[in-house]
Amino acid sequence: MTVKPNSSVYASKVGPTLATIFNVNPWIVTLIVAALLIWYAFGTKTSQRETKLNWIWAAILIAILQPIAWWASAAAGRNYGLGITGGWTNILSVYTANKQLNWIGAEVLGIIIGAMISAIAAKEFKLRMPKDPKTYLQVMVGGALMGFGAATAGGCNIGHFLTGVPTLAISSIVSSIFFILGNWTMAWLLFGRER
């Protein structure tokens, strides 16, 4: 039996996405969303902070990495693309439960090592510690809230942004909107208000 992309069987297998909500072929929604994103990226003026790797190259590299992540994840028995929370869980289980490092755990280690190599290559690597002890409390509370949010939202911000949103999953779109709103709110509370 062939499962058509706009059938109820397909919808029950993938969960609610923009395509299943509107009961249309996923490619139609994908092309519309892609056109809107391309228009926004190239048709509007936004201020960009100068960095060594501009957003176009970052997007191209993520677009190349994403299918590799799906393939490697499927080969490891997990049907998901890029994510972080599962990787940390795997790394902890390597040390606490004597389990093997899997693909998602190796991905997290690769992110850390890759970021360090990039920072060293760009001559931006520097070990720093916050001077204000209050910062440690903020980081611990923020990390705990992010962990609670990841458990509640069924995945971390990276998983939702880089895997769920590209599949146009409603849960990931809603989660990502609230991740952004939460970050903006806290940035304003911590840095933007007049004191």
N, C-alpha and C. Protein backbone atom coordinates (compact mmCIF):
# COMPACT_ATOMS: atom_id res chain seq x y z
N MET A 1 0.84 -1.18 0.00
CA MET A 1 0.00 0.00 0.00
C MET A 1 0.89 1.25 0.00
N THR A 2 0.62 2.16 -0.90
CA THR A 2 1.36 3.41 -0.96
C THR A 2 0.65 4.45 -0.11
N VAL A 3 1.42 5.14 0.75
CA VAL A 3 0.83 6.17 1.61
C VAL A 3 1.00 7.51 0.93
N LYS A 4 -0.13 8.16 0.60
CA LYS A 4 -0.07 9.47 -0.06
C LYS A 4 0.21 10.55 0.99
N PRO A 5 1.01 11.57 0.61
CA PRO A 5 1.40 12.59 1.57
C PRO A 5 0.24 13.37 2.19
N ASN A 6 -0.92 13.45 1.52
CA ASN A 6 -2.04 14.19 2.11
C ASN A 6 -3.14 13.27 2.63
N SER A 7 -2.80 12.00 2.90
CA SER A 7 -3.79 11.06 3.42
C SER A 7 -3.80 11.08 4.94
N SER A 8 -4.87 10.55 5.53
CA SER A 8 -4.98 10.51 6.99
C SER A 8 -3.96 9.53 7.59
N VAL A 9 -3.58 8.49 6.84
CA VAL A 9 -2.57 7.54 7.32
C VAL A 9 -1.24 8.28 7.47
N TYR A 10 -0.90 9.11 6.48
CA TYR A 10 0.34 9.90 6.53
C TYR A 10 0.29 10.85 7.73
N ALA A 11 -0.83 11.52 7.92
CA ALA A 11 -0.97 12.47 9.03
C ALA A 11 -0.79 11.78 10.37
N SER A 12 -1.31 10.55 10.50
CA SER A 12 -1.17 9.85 11.78
C SER A 12 0.26 9.39 12.02
N LYS A 13 1.04 9.19 10.96
CA LYS A 13 2.43 8.75 11.11
C LYS A 13 3.37 9.90 11.45
N VAL A 14 3.14 11.11 10.89
CA VAL A 14 4.08 12.20 11.08
C VAL A 14 3.64 13.21 12.13
N GLY A 15 2.39 13.17 12.56
CA GLY A 15 1.92 14.16 13.52
C GLY A 15 1.49 15.41 12.78
N PRO A 16 0.94 16.37 13.53
CA PRO A 16 0.43 17.58 12.87
C PRO A 16 1.56 18.46 12.31
N THR A 17 1.49 18.69 11.01
CA THR A 17 2.39 19.62 10.33
C THR A 17 1.51 20.61 9.57
N LEU A 18 2.12 21.63 8.98
CA LEU A 18 1.32 22.56 8.17
C LEU A 18 0.63 21.82 7.03
N ALA A 19 1.32 20.84 6.45
CA ALA A 19 0.74 20.08 5.33
C ALA A 19 -0.46 19.25 5.78
N THR A 20 -0.36 18.59 6.94
CA THR A 20 -1.49 17.76 7.39
C THR A 20 -2.65 18.62 7.88
N ILE A 21 -2.36 19.79 8.46
CA ILE A 21 -3.43 20.69 8.91
C ILE A 21 -4.24 21.19 7.72
N PHE A 22 -3.54 21.59 6.63
CA PHE A 22 -4.22 22.11 5.45
C PHE A 22 -4.60 21.00 4.45
N ASN A 23 -4.22 19.75 4.77
CA ASN A 23 -4.55 18.60 3.94
C ASN A 23 -4.08 18.76 2.50
N VAL A 24 -2.81 19.18 2.37
CA VAL A 24 -2.21 19.34 1.04
C VAL A 24 -0.89 18.59 1.00
N ASN A 25 -0.36 18.41 -0.19
CA ASN A 25 0.93 17.77 -0.36
C ASN A 25 2.00 18.58 0.36
N PRO A 26 2.90 17.92 1.12
CA PRO A 26 3.92 18.66 1.87
C PRO A 26 4.81 19.54 1.00
N TRP A 27 5.01 19.15 -0.26
CA TRP A 27 5.86 19.96 -1.14
C TRP A 27 5.26 21.33 -1.43
N ILE A 28 3.92 21.41 -1.48
CA ILE A 28 3.27 22.71 -1.72
C ILE A 28 3.57 23.66 -0.58
N VAL A 29 3.37 23.19 0.64
CA VAL A 29 3.64 24.03 1.81
C VAL A 29 5.13 24.35 1.89
N THR A 30 5.98 23.37 1.61
CA THR A 30 7.43 23.59 1.66
C THR A 30 7.85 24.68 0.68
N LEU A 31 7.33 24.63 -0.53
CA LEU A 31 7.70 25.64 -1.53
C LEU A 31 7.20 27.03 -1.14
N ILE A 32 6.00 27.12 -0.57
CA ILE A 32 5.47 28.41 -0.14
C ILE A 32 6.31 28.98 1.00
N VAL A 33 6.60 28.16 2.00
CA VAL A 33 7.42 28.61 3.14
C VAL A 33 8.83 28.99 2.66
N ALA A 34 9.42 28.18 1.77
CA ALA A 34 10.75 28.48 1.25
C ALA A 34 10.75 29.82 0.50
N ALA A 35 9.71 30.07 -0.31
CA ALA A 35 9.62 31.34 -1.04
C ALA A 35 9.52 32.52 -0.07
N LEU A 36 8.73 32.37 0.99
CA LEU A 36 8.61 33.44 1.99
C LEU A 36 9.94 33.70 2.70
N LEU A 37 10.65 32.64 3.04
CA LEU A 37 11.95 32.79 3.71
C LEU A 37 12.98 33.43 2.79
N ILE A 38 12.99 33.02 1.53
CA ILE A 38 13.93 33.62 0.57
C ILE A 38 13.59 35.09 0.38
N TRP A 39 12.30 35.42 0.26
CA TRP A 39 11.91 36.83 0.15
C TRP A 39 12.37 37.61 1.38
N TYR A 40 12.16 37.05 2.56
CA TYR A 40 12.56 37.76 3.78
C TYR A 40 14.07 37.93 3.84
N ALA A 41 14.81 36.88 3.51
CA ALA A 41 16.27 36.93 3.61
C ALA A 41 16.89 37.91 2.62
N PHE A 42 16.36 37.93 1.41
CA PHE A 42 17.00 38.76 0.39
C PHE A 42 16.20 40.02 0.03
N GLY A 43 14.93 40.06 0.41
CA GLY A 43 14.09 41.20 0.01
C GLY A 43 13.87 42.24 1.09
N THR A 44 14.32 41.97 2.30
CA THR A 44 14.15 42.95 3.38
C THR A 44 15.52 43.37 3.87
N LYS A 45 15.56 44.54 4.46
CA LYS A 45 16.83 45.03 5.00
C LYS A 45 16.85 44.77 6.50
N THR A 46 17.79 43.96 6.91
CA THR A 46 17.97 43.71 8.33
C THR A 46 19.41 43.99 8.68
N SER A 47 19.62 44.47 9.87
CA SER A 47 21.00 44.74 10.28
C SER A 47 21.64 43.43 10.71
N GLN A 48 22.81 43.18 10.20
CA GLN A 48 23.54 41.95 10.52
C GLN A 48 24.85 42.32 11.20
N ARG A 49 25.16 41.61 12.25
CA ARG A 49 26.44 41.79 12.92
C ARG A 49 27.51 41.12 12.06
N GLU A 50 28.62 41.80 11.88
CA GLU A 50 29.71 41.24 11.08
C GLU A 50 30.37 40.08 11.83
N THR A 51 30.47 38.95 11.17
CA THR A 51 31.14 37.78 11.73
C THR A 51 32.05 37.18 10.67
N LYS A 52 32.90 36.29 11.07
CA LYS A 52 33.81 35.64 10.12
C LYS A 52 33.05 34.71 9.17
N LEU A 53 31.96 34.10 9.65
CA LEU A 53 31.13 33.21 8.83
C LEU A 53 29.76 33.85 8.70
N ASN A 54 29.44 34.38 7.51
CA ASN A 54 28.16 35.07 7.39
C ASN A 54 27.00 34.08 7.35
N TRP A 55 25.79 34.60 7.47
CA TRP A 55 24.61 33.76 7.62
C TRP A 55 24.33 32.91 6.38
N ILE A 56 24.72 33.38 5.22
CA ILE A 56 24.48 32.60 4.00
C ILE A 56 25.31 31.31 4.02
N TRP A 57 26.60 31.42 4.37
CA TRP A 57 27.45 30.23 4.44
C TRP A 57 27.00 29.31 5.57
N ALA A 58 26.58 29.89 6.69
CA ALA A 58 26.08 29.07 7.79
C ALA A 58 24.84 28.29 7.35
N ALA A 59 23.93 28.94 6.63
CA ALA A 59 22.72 28.26 6.14
C ALA A 59 23.06 27.16 5.15
N ILE A 60 24.02 27.41 4.26
CA ILE A 60 24.43 26.40 3.29
C ILE A 60 25.03 25.19 4.00
N LEU A 61 25.89 25.44 4.99
CA LEU A 61 26.51 24.33 5.72
C LEU A 61 25.49 23.52 6.50
N ILE A 62 24.51 24.20 7.11
CA ILE A 62 23.45 23.47 7.84
C ILE A 62 22.61 22.66 6.85
N ALA A 63 22.32 23.23 5.66
CA ALA A 63 21.54 22.52 4.65
C ALA A 63 22.28 21.27 4.17
N ILE A 64 23.59 21.32 4.11
CA ILE A 64 24.37 20.14 3.74
C ILE A 64 24.41 19.13 4.89
N LEU A 65 24.55 19.62 6.11
CA LEU A 65 24.67 18.75 7.28
C LEU A 65 23.36 18.05 7.63
N GLN A 66 22.23 18.70 7.41
CA GLN A 66 20.93 18.15 7.84
C GLN A 66 20.63 16.78 7.23
N PRO A 67 20.74 16.59 5.90
CA PRO A 67 20.48 15.24 5.37
C PRO A 67 21.47 14.19 5.89
N ILE A 68 22.72 14.61 6.11
CA ILE A 68 23.71 13.69 6.67
C ILE A 68 23.29 13.28 8.08
N ALA A 69 22.77 14.26 8.85
CA ALA A 69 22.31 13.97 10.21
C ALA A 69 21.15 12.98 10.19
N TRP A 70 20.20 13.16 9.27
CA TRP A 70 19.07 12.23 9.17
C TRP A 70 19.58 10.83 8.83
N TRP A 71 20.49 10.75 7.85
CA TRP A 71 21.01 9.46 7.42
C TRP A 71 21.77 8.77 8.56
N ALA A 72 22.67 9.51 9.21
CA ALA A 72 23.46 8.93 10.29
C ALA A 72 22.58 8.54 11.47
N SER A 73 21.58 9.35 11.74
CA SER A 73 20.66 9.06 12.83
C SER A 73 19.86 7.80 12.54
N ALA A 74 19.37 7.68 11.31
CA ALA A 74 18.60 6.48 10.93
C ALA A 74 19.49 5.24 10.99
N ALA A 75 20.75 5.37 10.59
CA ALA A 75 21.68 4.24 10.66
C ALA A 75 21.92 3.81 12.10
N ALA A 76 21.78 4.75 13.04
CA ALA A 76 21.96 4.44 14.46
C ALA A 76 20.65 4.02 15.12
N GLY A 77 19.57 3.90 14.33
CA GLY A 77 18.29 3.45 14.87
C GLY A 77 17.41 4.55 15.42
N ARG A 78 17.69 5.78 15.08
CA ARG A 78 16.90 6.92 15.58
C ARG A 78 16.41 7.72 14.38
N ASN A 79 15.13 7.97 14.26
CA ASN A 79 14.57 8.67 13.10
C ASN A 79 14.41 10.15 13.43
N TYR A 80 15.53 10.87 13.43
CA TYR A 80 15.49 12.30 13.75
C TYR A 80 16.75 12.94 13.21
N GLY A 81 16.73 14.22 12.99
CA GLY A 81 17.89 14.94 12.47
C GLY A 81 18.76 15.48 13.59
N LEU A 82 19.05 16.77 13.52
CA LEU A 82 19.92 17.40 14.50
C LEU A 82 19.18 17.66 15.81
N GLY A 83 19.86 17.41 16.91
CA GLY A 83 19.32 17.66 18.24
C GLY A 83 20.45 17.62 19.25
N ILE A 84 20.19 18.08 20.45
CA ILE A 84 21.24 18.16 21.46
C ILE A 84 20.90 17.35 22.72
N THR A 85 19.68 17.45 23.19
CA THR A 85 19.31 16.86 24.47
C THR A 85 19.61 15.36 24.52
N GLY A 86 19.22 14.64 23.48
CA GLY A 86 19.50 13.20 23.44
C GLY A 86 20.99 12.89 23.46
N GLY A 87 21.78 13.78 22.88
CA GLY A 87 23.23 13.60 22.88
C GLY A 87 23.83 13.72 24.27
N TRP A 88 23.37 14.71 25.02
CA TRP A 88 23.86 14.86 26.40
C TRP A 88 23.45 13.66 27.24
N THR A 89 22.22 13.18 27.03
CA THR A 89 21.76 12.00 27.75
C THR A 89 22.65 10.80 27.43
N ASN A 90 23.00 10.64 26.14
CA ASN A 90 23.86 9.54 25.75
C ASN A 90 25.25 9.66 26.37
N ILE A 91 25.82 10.87 26.35
CA ILE A 91 27.16 11.07 26.93
C ILE A 91 27.15 10.74 28.42
N LEU A 92 26.10 11.18 29.13
CA LEU A 92 26.00 10.85 30.56
C LEU A 92 25.85 9.36 30.78
N SER A 93 25.09 8.68 29.91
CA SER A 93 24.90 7.23 30.08
C SER A 93 26.18 6.46 29.78
N VAL A 94 27.08 7.02 28.97
CA VAL A 94 28.36 6.37 28.71
C VAL A 94 29.14 6.24 30.02
N TYR A 95 29.09 7.30 30.83
CA TYR A 95 29.85 7.31 32.08
C TYR A 95 29.10 6.71 33.26
N THR A 96 27.77 6.84 33.27
CA THR A 96 27.02 6.35 34.43
C THR A 96 26.48 4.93 34.25
N ALA A 97 26.12 4.55 33.03
CA ALA A 97 25.51 3.23 32.81
C ALA A 97 26.35 2.35 31.90
N ASN A 98 27.57 2.78 31.59
CA ASN A 98 28.49 2.00 30.78
C ASN A 98 27.92 1.66 29.40
N LYS A 99 27.15 2.59 28.82
CA LYS A 99 26.60 2.39 27.48
C LYS A 99 27.58 2.91 26.44
N GLN A 100 27.34 2.57 25.18
CA GLN A 100 28.21 3.03 24.10
C GLN A 100 27.81 4.42 23.63
N LEU A 101 28.80 5.16 23.16
CA LEU A 101 28.53 6.46 22.57
C LEU A 101 27.83 6.24 21.23
N ASN A 102 26.67 6.88 21.05
CA ASN A 102 25.96 6.73 19.78
C ASN A 102 26.16 7.98 18.92
N TRP A 103 25.47 8.01 17.77
CA TRP A 103 25.68 9.10 16.82
C TRP A 103 25.34 10.45 17.44
N ILE A 104 24.23 10.55 18.14
CA ILE A 104 23.79 11.84 18.68
C ILE A 104 24.75 12.33 19.77
N GLY A 105 25.31 11.41 20.55
CA GLY A 105 26.32 11.79 21.53
C GLY A 105 27.59 12.28 20.86
N ALA A 106 27.99 11.59 19.78
CA ALA A 106 29.17 12.02 19.01
C ALA A 106 28.93 13.37 18.37
N GLU A 107 27.68 13.64 17.97
CA GLU A 107 27.34 14.95 17.40
C GLU A 107 27.60 16.07 18.40
N VAL A 108 27.17 15.87 19.65
CA VAL A 108 27.37 16.89 20.68
C VAL A 108 28.86 17.12 20.92
N LEU A 109 29.62 16.03 21.04
CA LEU A 109 31.07 16.19 21.21
C LEU A 109 31.69 16.90 20.00
N GLY A 110 31.21 16.58 18.81
CA GLY A 110 31.69 17.24 17.60
C GLY A 110 31.39 18.73 17.58
N ILE A 111 30.23 19.11 18.10
CA ILE A 111 29.88 20.53 18.18
C ILE A 111 30.85 21.27 19.09
N ILE A 112 31.14 20.67 20.24
CA ILE A 112 32.06 21.31 21.20
C ILE A 112 33.46 21.42 20.61
N ILE A 113 33.97 20.32 20.05
CA ILE A 113 35.32 20.32 19.48
C ILE A 113 35.38 21.23 18.25
N GLY A 114 34.36 21.18 17.41
CA GLY A 114 34.32 22.03 16.23
C GLY A 114 34.27 23.51 16.57
N ALA A 115 33.49 23.86 17.60
CA ALA A 115 33.42 25.27 18.04
C ALA A 115 34.78 25.73 18.55
N MET A 116 35.46 24.85 19.30
CA MET A 116 36.78 25.21 19.81
C MET A 116 37.78 25.40 18.67
N ILE A 117 37.78 24.50 17.70
CA ILE A 117 38.69 24.62 16.55
C ILE A 117 38.39 25.91 15.77
N SER A 118 37.10 26.20 15.56
CA SER A 118 36.73 27.42 14.84
C SER A 118 37.18 28.66 15.59
N ALA A 119 36.99 28.66 16.91
CA ALA A 119 37.39 29.82 17.72
C ALA A 119 38.91 30.00 17.69
N ILE A 120 39.65 28.90 17.76
CA ILE A 120 41.11 28.99 17.70
C ILE A 120 41.55 29.49 16.33
N ALA A 121 40.94 28.96 15.25
CA ALA A 121 41.30 29.38 13.89
C ALA A 121 41.00 30.86 13.67
N ALA A 122 39.92 31.35 14.29
CA ALA A 122 39.55 32.76 14.14
C ALA A 122 40.25 33.66 15.15
N LYS A 123 41.10 33.06 15.97
CA LYS A 123 41.83 33.78 17.03
C LYS A 123 40.87 34.47 18.00
N GLU A 124 39.75 33.76 18.30
CA GLU A 124 38.75 34.28 19.23
C GLU A 124 38.62 33.41 20.47
N PHE A 125 39.45 32.37 20.58
CA PHE A 125 39.33 31.44 21.71
C PHE A 125 39.88 32.09 22.97
N LYS A 126 39.09 32.02 24.03
CA LYS A 126 39.52 32.59 25.30
C LYS A 126 38.71 31.93 26.42
N LEU A 127 39.40 31.43 27.43
CA LEU A 127 38.70 30.87 28.60
C LEU A 127 38.33 32.03 29.52
N ARG A 128 37.06 32.12 29.85
CA ARG A 128 36.59 33.23 30.69
C ARG A 128 35.69 32.70 31.78
N MET A 129 35.69 33.39 32.88
CA MET A 129 34.78 33.08 33.98
C MET A 129 34.05 34.37 34.34
N PRO A 130 32.77 34.28 34.64
CA PRO A 130 32.04 35.48 35.04
C PRO A 130 32.61 36.07 36.33
N LYS A 131 32.68 37.40 36.40
CA LYS A 131 33.20 38.06 37.59
C LYS A 131 32.13 38.18 38.68
N ASP A 132 30.88 38.28 38.26
CA ASP A 132 29.79 38.45 39.21
C ASP A 132 29.22 37.09 39.61
N PRO A 133 29.25 36.74 40.90
CA PRO A 133 28.71 35.43 41.33
C PRO A 133 27.23 35.26 40.99
N LYS A 134 26.51 36.36 40.86
CA LYS A 134 25.09 36.28 40.51
C LYS A 134 24.90 35.63 39.14
N THR A 135 25.88 35.75 38.26
CA THR A 135 25.81 35.16 36.93
C THR A 135 25.71 33.64 37.01
N TYR A 136 26.41 33.02 37.97
CA TYR A 136 26.33 31.56 38.14
C TYR A 136 24.92 31.13 38.47
N LEU A 137 24.26 31.87 39.34
CA LEU A 137 22.87 31.56 39.71
C LEU A 137 21.96 31.71 38.49
N GLN A 138 22.15 32.80 37.73
CA GLN A 138 21.34 33.00 36.53
C GLN A 138 21.53 31.86 35.53
N VAL A 139 22.77 31.42 35.35
CA VAL A 139 23.06 30.34 34.41
C VAL A 139 22.43 29.03 34.88
N MET A 140 22.52 28.74 36.19
CA MET A 140 21.94 27.49 36.71
C MET A 140 20.41 27.50 36.59
N VAL A 141 19.78 28.62 36.95
CA VAL A 141 18.32 28.71 36.85
C VAL A 141 17.90 28.64 35.38
N GLY A 142 18.63 29.36 34.51
CA GLY A 142 18.31 29.33 33.08
C GLY A 142 18.46 27.94 32.50
N GLY A 143 19.51 27.23 32.87
CA GLY A 143 19.72 25.86 32.39
C GLY A 143 18.62 24.93 32.87
N ALA A 144 18.21 25.09 34.13
CA ALA A 144 17.12 24.25 34.66
C ALA A 144 15.82 24.54 33.93
N LEU A 145 15.54 25.81 33.66
CA LEU A 145 14.32 26.16 32.93
C LEU A 145 14.36 25.64 31.49
N MET A 146 15.55 25.72 30.86
CA MET A 146 15.67 25.19 29.50
C MET A 146 15.47 23.66 29.51
N GLY A 147 16.00 22.98 30.52
CA GLY A 147 15.79 21.54 30.64
C GLY A 147 14.32 21.20 30.82
N PHE A 148 13.64 21.96 31.68
CA PHE A 148 12.20 21.77 31.89
C PHE A 148 11.44 22.03 30.59
N GLY A 149 11.84 23.09 29.89
CA GLY A 149 11.18 23.41 28.62
C GLY A 149 11.40 22.32 27.58
N ALA A 150 12.62 21.78 27.53
CA ALA A 150 12.92 20.72 26.56
C ALA A 150 12.08 19.48 26.85
N ALA A 151 11.94 19.14 28.14
CA ALA A 151 11.13 17.97 28.51
C ALA A 151 9.65 18.21 28.21
N THR A 152 9.18 19.42 28.48
CA THR A 152 7.77 19.76 28.26
C THR A 152 7.45 19.85 26.77
N ALA A 153 8.37 20.43 26.00
CA ALA A 153 8.13 20.66 24.57
C ALA A 153 8.48 19.44 23.71
N GLY A 154 8.94 18.38 24.32
CA GLY A 154 9.27 17.18 23.55
C GLY A 154 10.54 17.31 22.74
N GLY A 155 11.46 18.15 23.17
CA GLY A 155 12.73 18.32 22.47
C GLY A 155 13.36 19.65 22.81
N CYS A 156 14.64 19.76 22.54
CA CYS A 156 15.37 20.99 22.86
C CYS A 156 15.19 22.03 21.76
N ASN A 157 15.70 23.23 22.02
CA ASN A 157 15.56 24.29 21.03
C ASN A 157 16.26 23.95 19.71
N ILE A 158 17.42 23.31 19.77
CA ILE A 158 18.13 22.93 18.54
C ILE A 158 17.32 21.91 17.75
N GLY A 159 16.80 20.90 18.44
CA GLY A 159 15.98 19.90 17.76
C GLY A 159 14.76 20.51 17.10
N HIS A 160 14.09 21.42 17.82
CA HIS A 160 12.91 22.07 17.23
C HIS A 160 13.28 22.99 16.08
N PHE A 161 14.31 23.84 16.28
CA PHE A 161 14.70 24.78 15.24
C PHE A 161 15.23 24.09 13.99
N LEU A 162 16.15 23.13 14.16
CA LEU A 162 16.87 22.58 13.02
C LEU A 162 16.29 21.27 12.48
N THR A 163 15.37 20.65 13.20
CA THR A 163 14.76 19.43 12.69
C THR A 163 13.24 19.57 12.58
N GLY A 164 12.60 20.02 13.64
CA GLY A 164 11.14 20.13 13.62
C GLY A 164 10.61 21.22 12.71
N VAL A 165 11.19 22.41 12.77
CA VAL A 165 10.71 23.52 11.91
C VAL A 165 10.90 23.19 10.43
N PRO A 166 12.07 22.64 10.00
CA PRO A 166 12.19 22.29 8.59
C PRO A 166 11.17 21.25 8.11
N THR A 167 10.67 20.41 9.01
CA THR A 167 9.62 19.47 8.62
C THR A 167 8.24 20.11 8.75
N LEU A 168 8.23 21.39 9.16
CA LEU A 168 7.01 22.19 9.32
C LEU A 168 6.05 21.59 10.35
N ALA A 169 6.63 21.00 11.40
CA ALA A 169 5.83 20.43 12.49
C ALA A 169 5.23 21.56 13.33
N ILE A 170 3.94 21.50 13.56
CA ILE A 170 3.26 22.55 14.32
C ILE A 170 3.87 22.69 15.72
N SER A 171 4.14 21.57 16.38
CA SER A 171 4.71 21.63 17.73
C SER A 171 6.05 22.36 17.74
N SER A 172 6.87 22.13 16.72
CA SER A 172 8.17 22.80 16.65
C SER A 172 8.04 24.27 16.31
N ILE A 173 7.09 24.61 15.45
CA ILE A 173 6.87 26.02 15.11
C ILE A 173 6.42 26.78 16.35
N VAL A 174 5.46 26.21 17.09
CA VAL A 174 4.96 26.86 18.32
C VAL A 174 6.08 26.95 19.36
N SER A 175 6.81 25.85 19.56
CA SER A 175 7.92 25.85 20.52
C SER A 175 8.96 26.91 20.16
N SER A 176 9.32 26.98 18.88
CA SER A 176 10.34 27.93 18.43
C SER A 176 9.90 29.37 18.64
N ILE A 177 8.63 29.65 18.40
CA ILE A 177 8.11 31.00 18.66
C ILE A 177 8.30 31.35 20.12
N PHE A 178 7.99 30.43 21.02
CA PHE A 178 8.12 30.71 22.45
C PHE A 178 9.57 30.71 22.92
N PHE A 179 10.45 29.93 22.26
CA PHE A 179 11.89 30.04 22.56
C PHE A 179 12.37 31.45 22.26
N ILE A 180 11.98 31.96 21.09
CA ILE A 180 12.41 33.30 20.68
C ILE A 180 11.84 34.35 21.62
N LEU A 181 10.55 34.26 21.93
CA LEU A 181 9.93 35.23 22.84
C LEU A 181 10.57 35.18 24.22
N GLY A 182 10.88 33.99 24.71
CA GLY A 182 11.54 33.85 26.02
C GLY A 182 12.93 34.45 26.01
N ASN A 183 13.68 34.21 24.93
CA ASN A 183 15.03 34.79 24.83
C ASN A 183 14.98 36.31 24.75
N TRP A 184 14.08 36.84 23.94
CA TRP A 184 13.95 38.29 23.83
C TRP A 184 13.57 38.91 25.17
N THR A 185 12.62 38.26 25.86
CA THR A 185 12.17 38.79 27.16
C THR A 185 13.32 38.82 28.16
N MET A 186 14.06 37.72 28.26
CA MET A 186 15.16 37.69 29.23
C MET A 186 16.30 38.63 28.83
N ALA A 187 16.57 38.75 27.53
CA ALA A 187 17.61 39.69 27.09
C ALA A 187 17.21 41.11 27.46
N TRP A 188 15.93 41.43 27.31
CA TRP A 188 15.45 42.75 27.68
C TRP A 188 15.53 42.96 29.19
N LEU A 189 15.10 41.95 29.96
CA LEU A 189 15.14 42.07 31.42
C LEU A 189 16.57 42.21 31.94
N LEU A 190 17.50 41.47 31.35
CA LEU A 190 18.89 41.48 31.83
C LEU A 190 19.71 42.62 31.28
N PHE A 191 19.48 42.99 30.02
CA PHE A 191 20.40 43.94 29.38
C PHE A 191 19.73 45.17 28.79
N GLY A 192 18.43 45.08 28.46
CA GLY A 192 17.81 46.15 27.69
C GLY A 192 17.14 47.24 28.48
N ARG A 193 16.72 46.94 29.71
CA ARG A 193 16.01 47.93 30.50
C ARG A 193 16.94 49.03 30.98
N GLU A 194 16.38 50.20 31.14
CA GLU A 194 17.17 51.26 31.78
C GLU A 194 17.19 50.98 33.26
N ARG A 195 18.34 51.05 33.85
CA ARG A 195 18.48 50.72 35.27
C ARG A 195 18.47 51.96 36.12
